[in-house]
Amino acid sequence: MKTSQEILLSIIQDKCSSVWQLDVFMDHIIINLPDKELNFRSAFMKVKQDIMACVQQHFPERDTEILFEVRNGSWNCSFKLKKTIFYAGAV
């Protein structure tokens, strides 16, 4: 049975970019960009927007945080999508 991370990886690969190399390391989903970008910030922001839209469309309700790390050569940045489901009685 596939885990939610495996399902999410396959959805991102299908819907966002088939050229990204995706992997999981501990609790992070790693996105390796294939080409070195001169302006990594704009490339990172584009990846972040694409992933956020994809995750919100396919997983609008999440009971865990999802951590992403975008890598490109010596550059890397990360972002987190917070959980959207809060349980009654949770502190």
Protein backbone atom coordinates (compact mmCIF):
# COMPACT_ATOMS: atom_id res chain seq x y z
CA MET A 1 0.00 0.00 0.00
CA LYS A 2 1.38 3.41 -0.94
CA THR A 3 2.00 6.01 1.73
CA SER A 4 0.63 9.53 1.40
CA GLN A 5 4.16 10.78 0.57
CA GLU A 6 4.46 8.26 -2.28
CA ILE A 7 1.05 9.27 -3.61
CA LEU A 8 1.98 12.93 -3.35
CA LEU A 9 5.29 12.31 -5.16
CA SER A 10 3.55 10.63 -8.07
CA ILE A 11 0.94 13.40 -8.31
CA ILE A 12 3.61 16.12 -8.28
CA GLN A 13 5.61 14.23 -10.91
CA ASP A 14 2.53 13.87 -13.14
CA LYS A 15 0.96 17.29 -12.65
CA CYS A 16 3.84 19.70 -12.05
CA SER A 17 6.98 18.73 -13.89
CA SER A 18 8.16 15.40 -15.18
CA VAL A 19 11.76 16.69 -15.38
CA TRP A 20 12.10 17.32 -11.65
CA GLN A 21 13.87 14.56 -9.76
CA LEU A 22 11.82 13.83 -6.65
CA ASP A 23 12.97 11.97 -3.59
CA VAL A 24 12.17 11.62 0.10
CA PHE A 25 14.72 12.19 2.83
CA MET A 26 13.45 11.64 6.36
CA ASP A 27 10.38 13.91 6.51
CA HIS A 28 11.33 16.14 3.53
CA ILE A 29 10.25 15.82 -0.07
CA ILE A 30 13.29 16.80 -2.15
CA ILE A 31 12.85 18.45 -5.56
CA ASN A 32 16.04 18.50 -7.61
CA LEU A 33 15.85 20.89 -10.56
CA PRO A 34 17.59 19.53 -13.66
CA ASP A 35 19.26 22.72 -14.89
CA LYS A 36 21.24 25.24 -12.91
CA GLU A 37 19.30 28.47 -12.80
CA LEU A 38 21.07 31.82 -12.81
CA ASN A 39 18.20 33.28 -10.80
CA PHE A 40 17.45 30.56 -8.27
CA ARG A 41 14.95 32.70 -6.33
CA SER A 42 12.56 33.00 -9.27
CA ALA A 43 12.94 29.28 -10.07
CA PHE A 44 12.25 28.43 -6.41
CA MET A 45 9.16 30.66 -6.29
CA LYS A 46 7.78 29.04 -9.48
CA VAL A 47 8.34 25.53 -8.06
CA LYS A 48 6.74 26.56 -4.77
CA GLN A 49 3.66 28.02 -6.50
CA ASP A 50 3.24 24.91 -8.68
CA ILE A 51 3.56 22.53 -5.74
CA MET A 52 1.27 24.56 -3.49
CA ALA A 53 -1.46 24.62 -6.16
CA CYS A 54 -1.07 20.89 -6.80
CA VAL A 55 -1.15 19.92 -3.12
CA GLN A 56 -4.10 22.19 -2.35
CA GLN A 57 -6.04 20.74 -5.27
CA HIS A 58 -5.35 17.07 -4.48
CA PHE A 59 -4.90 17.23 -0.69
CA PRO A 60 -6.98 20.19 0.54
CA GLU A 61 -7.32 18.60 3.98
CA ARG A 62 -4.04 17.47 5.54
CA ASP A 63 -3.50 16.13 9.03
CA THR A 64 0.29 16.49 8.81
CA GLU A 65 2.72 19.16 7.73
CA ILE A 66 4.50 18.60 4.42
CA LEU A 67 8.10 19.78 4.12
CA PHE A 68 9.69 20.47 0.73
CA GLU A 69 13.28 21.25 -0.18
CA VAL A 70 14.12 22.59 -3.64
CA ARG A 71 17.70 22.00 -4.80
CA ASN A 72 19.59 23.34 -7.77
CA GLY A 73 23.34 22.83 -7.82
CA SER A 74 24.73 24.43 -4.67
CA TRP A 75 21.45 26.29 -3.97
CA ASN A 76 18.64 24.98 -1.82
CA CYS A 77 15.56 26.43 -0.17
CA SER A 78 12.73 24.81 1.71
CA PHE A 79 9.13 25.53 2.56
CA LYS A 80 6.41 23.88 4.59
CA LEU A 81 2.71 23.41 3.99
CA LYS A 82 0.94 23.34 7.32
CA LYS A 83 -1.72 20.84 8.25
CA THR A 84 -5.28 21.92 7.63
CA ILE A 85 -7.14 19.50 9.90
CA PHE A 86 -7.24 20.25 13.59
CA TYR A 87 -8.68 17.73 16.00
CA ALA A 88 -11.09 18.71 18.76
CA GLY A 89 -9.34 18.77 22.09
CA ALA A 90 -5.92 19.24 20.53
CA VAL A 91 -3.70 21.69 22.33
